[in-house]
């Protein structure tokens, strides 16, 4: 199972466009094959763009506490009291990784 928190969501009725162009803090079961193979799909990642610096998820069937802080272009993604991912919206390294991801057709 995968999921997450979308933010900076554009105003549109096209739900597929929203999920393909909005940043997402990934929240998932890190024991899945997908999360084991693709580190940008682990909980706390900027989905498909940046992997979390630390993996601090709790065991399956235990709650995790997520915190997403967005101030201007600065983004902090926290799990269980630890900042696991930090970046700036629109920064070059994120744009480069977006061009190699499922966001490629929508990256500026």
N, C-alpha and C. Protein backbone atom coordinates (compact mmCIF):
# COMPACT_ATOMS: atom_id res chain seq x y z
N UNK A 1 0.85 -1.18 0.00
CA UNK A 1 0.00 0.00 0.00
C UNK A 1 0.89 1.23 0.00
N UNK A 2 0.50 2.20 -0.80
CA UNK A 2 1.25 3.44 -0.79
C UNK A 2 0.31 4.60 -0.63
N UNK A 3 0.84 5.70 -0.20
CA UNK A 3 0.05 6.90 -0.02
C UNK A 3 0.96 8.02 0.41
N UNK A 4 0.38 9.13 0.70
CA UNK A 4 1.18 10.24 1.14
C UNK A 4 0.36 11.50 1.27
N UNK A 5 1.08 12.59 1.49
CA UNK A 5 0.46 13.90 1.63
C UNK A 5 0.88 14.74 0.44
N UNK A 6 -0.11 15.11 -0.39
CA UNK A 6 0.15 16.02 -1.50
C UNK A 6 0.07 17.44 -0.99
N UNK A 7 0.94 18.32 -1.51
CA UNK A 7 0.87 19.73 -1.12
C UNK A 7 1.23 20.60 -2.32
N UNK A 8 0.97 21.91 -2.19
CA UNK A 8 1.09 22.85 -3.32
C UNK A 8 0.27 22.33 -4.49
N UNK A 9 -0.94 21.91 -4.18
CA UNK A 9 -1.82 21.30 -5.17
C UNK A 9 -2.46 22.41 -6.02
N UNK A 10 -2.35 22.29 -7.36
CA UNK A 10 -2.96 23.30 -8.22
C UNK A 10 -4.48 23.15 -8.25
N UNK A 11 -5.15 24.22 -8.57
CA UNK A 11 -6.60 24.17 -8.68
C UNK A 11 -6.96 23.58 -10.04
N UNK A 12 -7.50 22.37 -10.03
CA UNK A 12 -7.90 21.67 -11.25
C UNK A 12 -8.88 20.57 -10.89
N UNK A 13 -9.70 20.19 -11.84
CA UNK A 13 -10.62 19.08 -11.64
C UNK A 13 -10.02 17.75 -12.07
N UNK A 14 -8.82 17.79 -12.64
CA UNK A 14 -8.18 16.58 -13.16
C UNK A 14 -7.33 15.95 -12.05
N UNK A 15 -7.87 14.93 -11.39
CA UNK A 15 -7.18 14.29 -10.27
C UNK A 15 -5.85 13.66 -10.71
N UNK A 16 -5.76 13.19 -11.95
CA UNK A 16 -4.53 12.59 -12.43
C UNK A 16 -3.44 13.64 -12.57
N UNK A 17 -3.81 14.84 -12.98
CA UNK A 17 -2.84 15.93 -13.10
C UNK A 17 -2.33 16.33 -11.72
N UNK A 18 -3.23 16.39 -10.76
CA UNK A 18 -2.85 16.76 -9.39
C UNK A 18 -1.78 15.81 -8.86
N UNK A 19 -2.00 14.51 -8.99
CA UNK A 19 -1.05 13.55 -8.43
C UNK A 19 0.26 13.49 -9.21
N UNK A 20 0.27 13.97 -10.45
CA UNK A 20 1.51 13.91 -11.22
C UNK A 20 2.33 15.19 -11.17
N UNK A 21 1.77 16.28 -10.64
CA UNK A 21 2.56 17.52 -10.59
C UNK A 21 2.72 18.08 -9.18
N UNK A 22 1.99 17.54 -8.21
CA UNK A 22 2.09 18.03 -6.84
C UNK A 22 3.17 17.27 -6.09
N UNK A 23 4.00 17.97 -5.30
CA UNK A 23 4.96 17.25 -4.46
C UNK A 23 4.20 16.35 -3.48
N UNK A 24 4.85 15.26 -3.08
CA UNK A 24 4.20 14.33 -2.15
C UNK A 24 5.19 13.85 -1.12
N UNK A 25 4.80 13.98 0.14
CA UNK A 25 5.54 13.33 1.22
C UNK A 25 5.02 11.90 1.28
N UNK A 26 5.87 10.96 0.95
CA UNK A 26 5.47 9.55 0.89
C UNK A 26 5.25 8.99 2.29
N UNK A 27 4.15 8.27 2.45
CA UNK A 27 3.84 7.53 3.67
C UNK A 27 3.37 6.16 3.21
N UNK A 28 4.13 5.14 3.54
CA UNK A 28 3.83 3.81 2.99
C UNK A 28 4.33 2.72 3.92
N UNK A 29 4.03 1.51 3.53
CA UNK A 29 4.56 0.34 4.21
C UNK A 29 5.95 0.07 3.62
N UNK A 30 6.99 0.36 4.36
CA UNK A 30 8.36 0.23 3.86
C UNK A 30 8.82 -1.22 3.72
N UNK A 31 7.96 -2.16 4.07
CA UNK A 31 8.34 -3.57 3.91
C UNK A 31 7.92 -4.11 2.54
N UNK A 32 7.26 -3.31 1.71
CA UNK A 32 6.88 -3.78 0.38
C UNK A 32 8.10 -3.87 -0.52
N UNK A 33 8.00 -4.69 -1.56
CA UNK A 33 9.11 -4.83 -2.51
C UNK A 33 9.46 -3.49 -3.16
N UNK A 34 8.43 -2.70 -3.47
CA UNK A 34 8.64 -1.39 -4.09
C UNK A 34 9.52 -0.50 -3.21
N UNK A 35 9.16 -0.38 -1.94
CA UNK A 35 9.91 0.48 -1.03
C UNK A 35 11.31 -0.07 -0.75
N UNK A 36 11.46 -1.39 -0.78
CA UNK A 36 12.78 -1.99 -0.57
C UNK A 36 13.72 -1.72 -1.74
N UNK A 37 13.17 -1.64 -2.96
CA UNK A 37 13.99 -1.46 -4.16
C UNK A 37 14.19 0.00 -4.54
N UNK A 38 13.19 0.83 -4.30
CA UNK A 38 13.24 2.23 -4.74
C UNK A 38 13.20 3.12 -3.51
N UNK A 39 14.34 3.67 -3.14
CA UNK A 39 14.45 4.43 -1.89
C UNK A 39 13.64 5.71 -1.90
N UNK A 40 13.31 6.24 -3.09
CA UNK A 40 12.47 7.43 -3.15
C UNK A 40 10.99 7.09 -2.98
N UNK A 41 10.69 5.81 -2.68
CA UNK A 41 9.33 5.38 -2.38
C UNK A 41 9.18 5.01 -0.91
N UNK A 42 10.21 5.24 -0.10
CA UNK A 42 10.13 4.96 1.33
C UNK A 42 9.40 6.09 2.05
N UNK A 43 8.85 5.78 3.20
CA UNK A 43 8.17 6.79 3.99
C UNK A 43 9.13 7.93 4.32
N UNK A 44 8.62 9.14 4.16
CA UNK A 44 9.43 10.33 4.42
C UNK A 44 10.08 10.90 3.19
N UNK A 45 10.06 10.16 2.08
CA UNK A 45 10.66 10.62 0.84
C UNK A 45 9.82 11.72 0.20
N UNK A 46 10.46 12.56 -0.60
CA UNK A 46 9.76 13.40 -1.56
C UNK A 46 9.54 12.44 -2.73
N UNK A 47 8.36 11.88 -2.82
CA UNK A 47 8.07 10.73 -3.67
C UNK A 47 8.68 10.84 -5.06
N UNK A 48 9.46 9.86 -5.42
CA UNK A 48 10.09 9.70 -6.73
C UNK A 48 11.18 10.74 -7.01
N UNK A 49 11.48 11.62 -6.03
CA UNK A 49 12.46 12.68 -6.25
C UNK A 49 13.65 12.53 -5.30
N UNK A 50 13.40 12.60 -4.00
CA UNK A 50 14.48 12.54 -2.99
C UNK A 50 14.17 11.47 -1.96
N UNK A 51 15.15 10.63 -1.69
CA UNK A 51 14.96 9.61 -0.66
C UNK A 51 15.16 10.24 0.72
N UNK A 52 14.56 9.66 1.76
CA UNK A 52 14.77 10.20 3.10
C UNK A 52 16.21 9.95 3.55
N UNK A 53 16.72 10.88 4.33
CA UNK A 53 18.08 10.75 4.86
C UNK A 53 18.15 9.62 5.88
N UNK A 54 17.07 9.44 6.62
CA UNK A 54 17.00 8.39 7.65
C UNK A 54 15.72 7.59 7.45
N UNK A 55 15.77 6.33 7.78
CA UNK A 55 14.57 5.48 7.79
C UNK A 55 14.22 5.25 9.26
N UNK A 56 13.12 5.85 9.69
CA UNK A 56 12.76 5.82 11.11
C UNK A 56 11.32 5.36 11.33
N UNK A 57 10.79 4.59 10.38
CA UNK A 57 9.42 4.13 10.53
C UNK A 57 9.31 3.08 11.63
N UNK A 58 8.15 3.06 12.23
CA UNK A 58 7.87 2.05 13.24
C UNK A 58 7.51 0.73 12.57
N UNK A 59 7.43 -0.32 13.34
CA UNK A 59 7.08 -1.65 12.83
C UNK A 59 5.67 -1.64 12.24
N UNK A 60 5.40 -2.62 11.39
CA UNK A 60 4.06 -2.79 10.83
C UNK A 60 3.06 -2.89 11.98
N UNK A 61 1.90 -2.31 11.81
CA UNK A 61 0.81 -2.26 12.79
C UNK A 61 1.08 -1.29 13.93
N UNK A 62 2.10 -0.44 13.81
CA UNK A 62 2.34 0.62 14.78
C UNK A 62 2.21 1.95 14.04
N UNK A 63 1.70 2.94 14.75
CA UNK A 63 1.52 4.26 14.15
C UNK A 63 2.85 4.97 13.97
N UNK A 64 2.91 5.80 12.94
CA UNK A 64 4.02 6.72 12.72
C UNK A 64 3.46 8.12 12.79
N UNK A 65 4.25 9.04 13.29
CA UNK A 65 3.84 10.44 13.39
C UNK A 65 4.54 11.22 12.29
N UNK A 66 3.77 11.78 11.37
CA UNK A 66 4.32 12.56 10.26
C UNK A 66 4.10 14.04 10.50
N UNK A 67 5.07 14.83 10.06
CA UNK A 67 4.97 16.29 10.16
C UNK A 67 5.55 16.85 8.86
N UNK A 68 4.79 17.71 8.21
CA UNK A 68 5.21 18.35 6.97
C UNK A 68 5.21 19.85 7.22
N UNK A 69 6.37 20.48 7.02
CA UNK A 69 6.50 21.92 7.22
C UNK A 69 6.89 22.55 5.89
N UNK A 70 6.03 23.45 5.40
CA UNK A 70 6.31 24.17 4.16
C UNK A 70 6.24 25.65 4.47
N UNK A 71 7.38 26.33 4.35
CA UNK A 71 7.47 27.78 4.57
C UNK A 71 8.08 28.38 3.32
N UNK A 72 7.24 29.04 2.51
CA UNK A 72 7.73 29.55 1.23
C UNK A 72 8.11 28.35 0.37
N UNK A 73 9.35 28.32 -0.10
CA UNK A 73 9.84 27.20 -0.90
C UNK A 73 10.57 26.15 -0.08
N UNK A 74 10.76 26.41 1.21
CA UNK A 74 11.49 25.47 2.07
C UNK A 74 10.55 24.39 2.60
N UNK A 75 10.98 23.13 2.44
CA UNK A 75 10.16 22.00 2.86
C UNK A 75 10.96 21.13 3.82
N UNK A 76 10.34 20.77 4.93
CA UNK A 76 10.89 19.81 5.88
C UNK A 76 9.88 18.69 6.04
N UNK A 77 10.34 17.45 5.94
CA UNK A 77 9.48 16.29 6.13
C UNK A 77 10.01 15.50 7.31
N UNK A 78 9.17 15.33 8.31
CA UNK A 78 9.54 14.70 9.57
C UNK A 78 8.77 13.40 9.76
N UNK A 79 9.42 12.42 10.34
CA UNK A 79 8.77 11.18 10.77
C UNK A 79 9.24 10.84 12.17
N UNK A 80 8.29 10.59 13.03
CA UNK A 80 8.58 10.17 14.40
C UNK A 80 9.61 11.08 15.09
N UNK A 81 9.44 12.39 14.89
CA UNK A 81 10.26 13.39 15.57
C UNK A 81 11.62 13.65 14.93
N UNK A 82 11.90 13.06 13.78
CA UNK A 82 13.20 13.23 13.12
C UNK A 82 12.97 13.80 11.72
N UNK A 83 13.70 14.87 11.39
CA UNK A 83 13.61 15.42 10.05
C UNK A 83 14.34 14.47 9.10
N UNK A 84 13.60 13.86 8.16
CA UNK A 84 14.18 12.85 7.29
C UNK A 84 14.46 13.38 5.88
N UNK A 85 13.78 14.44 5.48
CA UNK A 85 13.99 15.01 4.15
C UNK A 85 13.83 16.51 4.23
N UNK A 86 14.76 17.23 3.59
CA UNK A 86 14.71 18.69 3.58
C UNK A 86 15.13 19.14 2.18
N UNK A 87 14.37 20.06 1.61
CA UNK A 87 14.69 20.55 0.27
C UNK A 87 13.98 21.88 0.02
N UNK A 88 14.29 22.46 -1.10
CA UNK A 88 13.65 23.69 -1.53
C UNK A 88 12.87 23.41 -2.81
N UNK A 89 11.61 23.79 -2.83
CA UNK A 89 10.80 23.60 -4.03
C UNK A 89 11.45 24.34 -5.20
N UNK A 90 11.58 23.66 -6.32
CA UNK A 90 12.15 24.28 -7.51
C UNK A 90 13.66 24.27 -7.58
N UNK A 91 14.35 23.71 -6.57
CA UNK A 91 15.82 23.68 -6.62
C UNK A 91 16.29 22.77 -7.73
N UNK A 92 17.47 23.04 -8.25
CA UNK A 92 17.99 22.33 -9.42
C UNK A 92 18.04 20.83 -9.23
N UNK A 93 18.50 20.34 -8.06
CA UNK A 93 18.61 18.88 -7.89
C UNK A 93 17.23 18.23 -7.94
N UNK A 94 16.20 18.91 -7.46
CA UNK A 94 14.85 18.34 -7.54
C UNK A 94 14.34 18.35 -8.98
N UNK A 95 14.63 19.43 -9.70
CA UNK A 95 14.20 19.50 -11.10
C UNK A 95 14.86 18.40 -11.93
N UNK A 96 16.16 18.18 -11.69
CA UNK A 96 16.88 17.15 -12.44
C UNK A 96 16.29 15.77 -12.16
N UNK A 97 15.99 15.49 -10.89
CA UNK A 97 15.43 14.19 -10.55
C UNK A 97 14.00 14.06 -11.05
N UNK A 98 13.27 15.16 -11.09
CA UNK A 98 11.90 15.12 -11.62
C UNK A 98 11.92 14.76 -13.10
N UNK A 99 12.92 15.22 -13.82
CA UNK A 99 13.01 14.93 -15.25
C UNK A 99 13.24 13.44 -15.50
N UNK A 100 13.76 12.73 -14.52
CA UNK A 100 14.01 11.29 -14.66
C UNK A 100 12.93 10.45 -13.99
N UNK A 101 11.84 11.09 -13.54
CA UNK A 101 10.80 10.39 -12.79
C UNK A 101 9.48 10.40 -13.55
N UNK A 102 8.43 9.96 -12.85
CA UNK A 102 7.10 9.99 -13.46
C UNK A 102 6.56 11.41 -13.57
N UNK A 103 7.27 12.40 -13.06
CA UNK A 103 6.88 13.80 -13.17
C UNK A 103 7.43 14.45 -14.46
N UNK A 104 8.22 13.73 -15.22
CA UNK A 104 8.95 14.31 -16.35
C UNK A 104 8.07 15.09 -17.33
N UNK A 105 6.92 14.59 -17.62
CA UNK A 105 6.06 15.28 -18.58
C UNK A 105 5.45 16.56 -18.04
N UNK A 106 5.57 16.80 -16.72
CA UNK A 106 4.98 17.99 -16.11
C UNK A 106 5.99 18.93 -15.47
N UNK A 107 7.29 18.58 -15.49
CA UNK A 107 8.32 19.42 -14.86
C UNK A 107 8.56 20.66 -15.68
N UNK A 108 8.82 21.79 -14.99
CA UNK A 108 9.17 23.03 -15.71
C UNK A 108 10.66 23.08 -15.91
